[in-house]
PDB file of all heavy atoms in Angstrom:
ATOM      1  N   ARG A   1       6.046 -61.136  39.910  1.00  0.00           N
ATOM      2  CA  ARG A   1       5.859 -61.331  38.531  1.00  0.00           C
ATOM      3  C   ARG A   1       4.807 -60.436  37.826  1.00  0.00           C
ATOM      4  O   ARG A   1       5.088 -59.795  36.874  1.00  0.00           O
ATOM      5  CB  ARG A   1       5.373 -62.853  38.218  1.00  0.00           C
ATOM      6  CG  ARG A   1       5.270 -63.182  36.781  1.00  0.00           C
ATOM      7  CD  ARG A   1       4.609 -64.671  36.607  1.00  0.00           C
ATOM      8  NE  ARG A   1       3.301 -64.480  36.998  1.00  0.00           N
ATOM      9  CZ  ARG A   1       2.232 -64.034  36.198  1.00  0.00           C
ATOM     10  NH1 ARG A   1       2.531 -63.510  35.003  1.00  0.00           N
ATOM     11  NH2 ARG A   1       1.054 -63.968  36.620  1.00  0.00           N
ATOM     12  N   LEU A   2       3.702 -60.111  38.580  1.00  0.00           N
ATOM     13  CA  LEU A   2       2.720 -59.254  38.117  1.00  0.00           C
ATOM     14  C   LEU A   2       3.359 -57.817  38.088  1.00  0.00           C
ATOM     15  O   LEU A   2       2.817 -57.001  37.208  1.00  0.00           O
ATOM     16  CB  LEU A   2       1.579 -59.340  39.038  1.00  0.00           C
ATOM     17  CG  LEU A   2       0.635 -60.601  38.951  1.00  0.00           C
ATOM     18  CD1 LEU A   2      -0.316 -60.625  39.963  1.00  0.00           C
ATOM     19  CD2 LEU A   2       0.029 -60.819  37.445  1.00  0.00           C
ATOM     20  N   LEU A   3       3.973 -57.507  39.176  1.00  0.00           N
ATOM     21  CA  LEU A   3       4.726 -56.246  39.185  1.00  0.00           C
ATOM     22  C   LEU A   3       5.459 -55.885  37.959  1.00  0.00           C
ATOM     23  O   LEU A   3       5.422 -54.900  37.399  1.00  0.00           O
ATOM     24  CB  LEU A   3       5.377 -55.917  40.468  1.00  0.00           C
ATOM     25  CG  LEU A   3       6.063 -54.571  40.645  1.00  0.00           C
ATOM     26  CD1 LEU A   3       5.069 -53.533  40.721  1.00  0.00           C
ATOM     27  CD2 LEU A   3       6.982 -54.614  41.906  1.00  0.00           C
ATOM     28  N   SER A   4       6.311 -56.904  37.691  1.00  0.00           N
ATOM     29  CA  SER A   4       7.188 -56.729  36.507  1.00  0.00           C
ATOM     30  C   SER A   4       6.573 -56.586  35.178  1.00  0.00           C
ATOM     31  O   SER A   4       6.954 -56.078  34.267  1.00  0.00           O
ATOM     32  CB  SER A   4       8.222 -57.841  36.576  1.00  0.00           C
ATOM     33  OG  SER A   4       7.556 -59.157  36.358  1.00  0.00           O
ATOM     34  N   SER A   5       5.436 -57.325  35.085  1.00  0.00           N
ATOM     35  CA  SER A   5       4.567 -57.252  33.823  1.00  0.00           C
ATOM     36  C   SER A   5       3.917 -55.945  33.547  1.00  0.00           C
ATOM     37  O   SER A   5       3.580 -55.531  32.374  1.00  0.00           O
ATOM     38  CB  SER A   5       3.646 -58.397  33.819  1.00  0.00           C
ATOM     39  OG  SER A   5       2.516 -58.191  34.896  1.00  0.00           O
ATOM     40  N   PHE A   6       3.579 -55.281  34.796  1.00  0.00           N
ATOM     41  CA  PHE A   6       2.897 -53.868  34.664  1.00  0.00           C
ATOM     42  C   PHE A   6       3.854 -52.904  34.469  1.00  0.00           C
ATOM     43  O   PHE A   6       3.428 -51.699  33.976  1.00  0.00           O
ATOM     44  CB  PHE A   6       2.118 -53.617  35.972  1.00  0.00           C
ATOM     45  CG  PHE A   6       0.816 -54.417  36.117  1.00  0.00           C
ATOM     46  CD1 PHE A   6       0.485 -55.120  37.017  1.00  0.00           C
ATOM     47  CD2 PHE A   6      -0.077 -54.419  35.029  1.00  0.00           C
ATOM     48  CE1 PHE A   6      -0.619 -55.866  37.210  1.00  0.00           C
ATOM     49  CE2 PHE A   6      -1.254 -55.070  35.119  1.00  0.00           C
ATOM     50  CZ  PHE A   6      -1.573 -55.816  36.204  1.00  0.00           C
ATOM     51  N   THR A   7       5.140 -52.956  34.726  1.00  0.00           N
ATOM     52  CA  THR A   7       6.144 -51.718  34.699  1.00  0.00           C
ATOM     53  C   THR A   7       6.195 -51.166  33.178  1.00  0.00           C
ATOM     54  O   THR A   7       6.478 -50.036  33.159  1.00  0.00           O
ATOM     55  CB  THR A   7       7.512 -52.180  35.029  1.00  0.00           C
ATOM     56  OG1 THR A   7       7.895 -53.427  34.323  1.00  0.00           O
ATOM     57  CG2 THR A   7       7.444 -52.582  36.518  1.00  0.00           C
ATOM     58  N   GLY A   8       5.848 -51.947  32.242  1.00  0.00           N
ATOM     59  CA  GLY A   8       6.031 -51.424  30.820  1.00  0.00           C
ATOM     60  C   GLY A   8       4.879 -50.463  30.425  1.00  0.00           C
ATOM     61  O   GLY A   8       5.169 -49.503  29.663  1.00  0.00           O
ATOM     62  N   SER A   9       3.781 -50.584  31.199  1.00  0.00           N
ATOM     63  CA  SER A   9       2.579 -49.729  30.731  1.00  0.00           C
ATOM     64  C   SER A   9       2.106 -48.862  31.874  1.00  0.00           C
ATOM     65  O   SER A   9       1.236 -48.000  31.614  1.00  0.00           O
ATOM     66  CB  SER A   9       1.453 -50.680  30.153  1.00  0.00           C
ATOM     67  OG  SER A   9       1.045 -51.544  31.296  1.00  0.00           O
ATOM     68  N   CYS A  10       2.548 -49.037  33.074  1.00  0.00           N
ATOM     69  CA  CYS A  10       2.130 -48.241  34.234  1.00  0.00           C
ATOM     70  C   CYS A  10       3.227 -47.633  34.976  1.00  0.00           C
ATOM     71  O   CYS A  10       4.392 -47.757  34.647  1.00  0.00           O
ATOM     72  CB  CYS A  10       1.222 -49.202  35.252  1.00  0.00           C
ATOM     73  SG  CYS A  10      -0.152 -50.028  34.424  1.00  0.00           S
ATOM     74  N   ASP A  11       2.896 -46.743  35.890  1.00  0.00           N
ATOM     75  CA  ASP A  11       3.877 -46.183  36.679  1.00  0.00           C
ATOM     76  C   ASP A  11       4.546 -47.067  37.765  1.00  0.00           C
ATOM     77  O   ASP A  11       3.822 -47.490  38.754  1.00  0.00           O
ATOM     78  CB  ASP A  11       3.266 -44.936  37.494  1.00  0.00           C
ATOM     79  CG  ASP A  11       4.305 -44.066  38.189  1.00  0.00           C
ATOM     80  OD1 ASP A  11       5.485 -44.615  38.367  1.00  0.00           O
ATOM     81  OD2 ASP A  11       3.945 -42.947  38.665  1.00  0.00           O
ATOM     82  N   SER A  12       5.743 -47.604  37.572  1.00  0.00           N
ATOM     83  CA  SER A  12       6.209 -48.679  38.345  1.00  0.00           C
ATOM     84  C   SER A  12       6.442 -48.216  39.755  1.00  0.00           C
ATOM     85  O   SER A  12       6.424 -48.991  40.759  1.00  0.00           O
ATOM     86  CB  SER A  12       7.597 -49.115  37.774  1.00  0.00           C
ATOM     87  OG  SER A  12       8.558 -48.120  37.647  1.00  0.00           O
ATOM     88  N   ASP A  13       6.722 -46.922  39.858  1.00  0.00           N
ATOM     89  CA  ASP A  13       7.105 -46.389  41.288  1.00  0.00           C
ATOM     90  C   ASP A  13       5.675 -46.460  42.135  1.00  0.00           C
ATOM     91  O   ASP A  13       5.796 -46.791  43.329  1.00  0.00           O
ATOM     92  CB  ASP A  13       7.508 -44.898  41.259  1.00  0.00           C
ATOM     93  CG  ASP A  13       8.973 -44.833  40.847  1.00  0.00           C
ATOM     94  OD1 ASP A  13       9.607 -45.749  41.015  1.00  0.00           O
ATOM     95  OD2 ASP A  13       9.318 -43.730  40.243  1.00  0.00           O
ATOM     96  N   LEU A  14       4.551 -46.113  41.531  1.00  0.00           N
ATOM     97  CA  LEU A  14       3.341 -46.096  42.180  1.00  0.00           C
ATOM     98  C   LEU A  14       3.033 -47.638  42.539  1.00  0.00           C
ATOM     99  O   LEU A  14       2.412 -47.890  43.727  1.00  0.00           O
ATOM    100  CB  LEU A  14       2.206 -45.521  41.392  1.00  0.00           C
ATOM    101  CG  LEU A  14       0.787 -45.650  41.896  1.00  0.00           C
ATOM    102  CD1 LEU A  14       0.750 -44.784  43.274  1.00  0.00           C
ATOM    103  CD2 LEU A  14      -0.252 -45.050  40.964  1.00  0.00           C
ATOM    104  N   LEU A  15       3.192 -48.495  41.654  1.00  0.00           N
ATOM    105  CA  LEU A  15       2.918 -49.966  41.951  1.00  0.00           C
ATOM    106  C   LEU A  15       3.775 -50.443  43.023  1.00  0.00           C
ATOM    107  O   LEU A  15       3.374 -51.159  43.862  1.00  0.00           O
ATOM    108  CB  LEU A  15       3.090 -50.805  40.718  1.00  0.00           C
ATOM    109  CG  LEU A  15       2.121 -50.633  39.495  1.00  0.00           C
ATOM    110  CD1 LEU A  15       2.598 -51.257  38.279  1.00  0.00           C
ATOM    111  CD2 LEU A  15       0.892 -51.088  40.018  1.00  0.00           C
ATOM    112  N   LYS A  16       5.133 -50.065  42.949  1.00  0.00           N
ATOM    113  CA  LYS A  16       5.997 -50.512  44.126  1.00  0.00           C
ATOM    114  C   LYS A  16       5.640 -49.897  45.472  1.00  0.00           C
ATOM    115  O   LYS A  16       5.627 -50.502  46.457  1.00  0.00           O
ATOM    116  CB  LYS A  16       7.479 -50.129  43.847  1.00  0.00           C
ATOM    117  CG  LYS A  16       8.033 -50.949  42.712  1.00  0.00           C
ATOM    118  CD  LYS A  16       9.460 -50.405  42.338  1.00  0.00           C
ATOM    119  CE  LYS A  16      10.137 -51.348  41.200  1.00  0.00           C
ATOM    120  NZ  LYS A  16      11.593 -50.872  41.010  1.00  0.00           N
ATOM    121  N   PHE A  17       5.165 -48.692  45.487  1.00  0.00           N
ATOM    122  CA  PHE A  17       4.774 -48.009  46.655  1.00  0.00           C
ATOM    123  C   PHE A  17       3.592 -48.534  47.328  1.00  0.00           C
ATOM    124  O   PHE A  17       3.518 -48.908  48.429  1.00  0.00           O
ATOM    125  CB  PHE A  17       4.455 -46.509  46.349  1.00  0.00           C
ATOM    126  CG  PHE A  17       4.090 -45.735  47.565  1.00  0.00           C
ATOM    127  CD1 PHE A  17       5.192 -45.280  48.349  1.00  0.00           C
ATOM    128  CD2 PHE A  17       2.843 -45.364  48.050  1.00  0.00           C
ATOM    129  CE1 PHE A  17       4.918 -44.587  49.598  1.00  0.00           C
ATOM    130  CE2 PHE A  17       2.517 -44.695  49.205  1.00  0.00           C
ATOM    131  CZ  PHE A  17       3.634 -44.285  49.894  1.00  0.00           C
ATOM    132  N   ASN A  18       2.529 -49.018  46.466  1.00  0.00           N
ATOM    133  CA  ASN A  18       1.476 -49.805  46.912  1.00  0.00           C
ATOM    134  C   ASN A  18       1.792 -51.202  47.493  1.00  0.00           C
ATOM    135  O   ASN A  18       1.332 -51.593  48.441  1.00  0.00           O
ATOM    136  CB  ASN A  18       0.355 -49.909  45.787  1.00  0.00           C
ATOM    137  CG  ASN A  18      -0.230 -48.645  45.424  1.00  0.00           C
ATOM    138  OD1 ASN A  18      -0.339 -47.695  46.251  1.00  0.00           O
ATOM    139  ND2 ASN A  18      -0.704 -48.521  44.162  1.00  0.00           N
ATOM    140  N   GLN A  19       2.875 -51.743  46.800  1.00  0.00           N
ATOM    141  CA  GLN A  19       3.331 -53.053  47.340  1.00  0.00           C
ATOM    142  C   GLN A  19       4.077 -52.873  48.640  1.00  0.00           C
ATOM    143  O   GLN A  19       3.929 -53.713  49.617  1.00  0.00           O
ATOM    144  CB  GLN A  19       4.250 -53.671  46.362  1.00  0.00           C
ATOM    145  CG  GLN A  19       4.794 -55.158  46.685  1.00  0.00           C
ATOM    146  CD  GLN A  19       5.810 -55.535  45.857  1.00  0.00           C
ATOM    147  OE1 GLN A  19       6.696 -55.006  45.612  1.00  0.00           O
ATOM    148  NE2 GLN A  19       5.642 -56.797  45.303  1.00  0.00           N
ATOM    149  N   LEU A  20       4.705 -51.835  48.794  1.00  0.00           N
ATOM    150  CA  LEU A  20       5.411 -51.385  50.127  1.00  0.00           C
ATOM    151  C   LEU A  20       4.350 -51.352  51.273  1.00  0.00           C
ATOM    152  O   LEU A  20       4.551 -51.846  52.330  1.00  0.00           O
ATOM    153  CB  LEU A  20       6.198 -50.142  50.069  1.00  0.00           C
ATOM    154  CG  LEU A  20       6.877 -49.638  51.323  1.00  0.00           C
ATOM    155  CD1 LEU A  20       7.825 -50.502  51.792  1.00  0.00           C
ATOM    156  CD2 LEU A  20       7.447 -48.337  51.138  1.00  0.00           C
ATOM    157  N   LYS A  21       3.178 -50.667  50.972  1.00  0.00           N
ATOM    158  CA  LYS A  21       2.208 -50.498  51.920  1.00  0.00           C
ATOM    159  C   LYS A  21       1.547 -51.881  52.237  1.00  0.00           C
ATOM    160  O   LYS A  21       1.031 -52.109  53.326  1.00  0.00           O
ATOM    161  CB  LYS A  21       1.072 -49.558  51.455  1.00  0.00           C
ATOM    162  CG  LYS A  21       1.671 -48.104  51.320  1.00  0.00           C
ATOM    163  CD  LYS A  21       2.124 -47.617  52.628  1.00  0.00           C
ATOM    164  CE  LYS A  21       2.584 -46.073  52.587  1.00  0.00           C
ATOM    165  NZ  LYS A  21       3.059 -45.699  53.858  1.00  0.00           N
ATOM    166  N   PHE A  22       1.578 -52.786  51.192  1.00  0.00           N
ATOM    167  CA  PHE A  22       0.786 -54.011  51.439  1.00  0.00           C
ATOM    168  C   PHE A  22       1.603 -55.052  52.253  1.00  0.00           C
ATOM    169  O   PHE A  22       1.255 -55.695  53.196  1.00  0.00           O
ATOM    170  CB  PHE A  22       0.522 -54.730  50.053  1.00  0.00           C
ATOM    171  CG  PHE A  22      -0.008 -56.107  50.090  1.00  0.00           C
ATOM    172  CD1 PHE A  22      -1.339 -56.225  50.515  1.00  0.00           C
ATOM    173  CD2 PHE A  22       0.803 -57.139  49.861  1.00  0.00           C
ATOM    174  CE1 PHE A  22      -1.907 -57.525  50.602  1.00  0.00           C
ATOM    175  CE2 PHE A  22       0.241 -58.437  49.861  1.00  0.00           C
ATOM    176  CZ  PHE A  22      -1.034 -58.535  50.250  1.00  0.00           C
ATOM    177  N   ARG A  23       2.916 -54.938  51.991  1.00  0.00           N
ATOM    178  CA  ARG A  23       3.828 -55.792  52.847  1.00  0.00           C
ATOM    179  C   ARG A  23       5.103 -55.127  53.198  1.00  0.00           C
ATOM    180  O   ARG A  23       6.033 -55.046  52.408  1.00  0.00           O
ATOM    181  CB  ARG A  23       4.107 -57.066  52.138  1.00  0.00           C
ATOM    182  CG  ARG A  23       4.734 -58.119  53.088  1.00  0.00           C
ATOM    183  CD  ARG A  23       5.323 -59.323  52.216  1.00  0.00           C
ATOM    184  NE  ARG A  23       6.606 -59.084  51.675  1.00  0.00           N
ATOM    185  CZ  ARG A  23       7.734 -59.136  52.231  1.00  0.00           C
ATOM    186  NH1 ARG A  23       7.799 -59.377  53.434  1.00  0.00           N
ATOM    187  NH2 ARG A  23       8.866 -58.826  51.565  1.00  0.00           N
ATOM    188  N   LYS A  24       5.121 -54.534  54.387  1.00  0.00           N
ATOM    189  CA  LYS A  24       6.252 -53.697  54.859  1.00  0.00           C
ATOM    190  C   LYS A  24       7.498 -54.590  55.121  1.00  0.00           C
ATOM    191  O   LYS A  24       7.199 -55.785  55.702  1.00  0.00           O
ATOM    192  CB  LYS A  24       5.951 -52.895  56.064  1.00  0.00           C
ATOM    193  CG  LYS A  24       4.823 -51.732  55.825  1.00  0.00           C
ATOM    194  CD  LYS A  24       4.670 -50.886  57.131  1.00  0.00           C
ATOM    195  CE  LYS A  24       3.558 -50.012  56.855  1.00  0.00           C
ATOM    196  NZ  LYS A  24       3.285 -49.168  58.117  1.00  0.00           N
ATOM    197  N   LYS A  25       8.607 -54.095  54.898  1.00  0.00           N
ATOM    198  CA  LYS A  25       9.873 -54.805  55.234  1.00  0.00           C
ATOM    199  C   LYS A  25      10.038 -54.858  56.691  1.00  0.00           C
ATOM    200  O   LYS A  25       9.631 -53.959  57.500  1.00  0.00           O
ATOM    201  CB  LYS A  25      11.125 -54.172  54.540  1.00  0.00           C
ATOM    202  CG  LYS A  25      11.037 -54.094  53.111  1.00  0.00           C
ATOM    203  CD  LYS A  25      11.181 -55.560  52.432  1.00  0.00           C
ATOM    204  CE  LYS A  25      11.418 -55.422  50.922  1.00  0.00           C
ATOM    205  NZ  LYS A  25      10.206 -54.885  50.327  1.00  0.00           N
TER     206      LYS A  25
END
């Protein structure tokens, strides 16, 4: 939910990449 709320004003790819590092599949 927080990720989707940031995508409008921030670089969504960077946020997703940080999330990937936080919790790997």
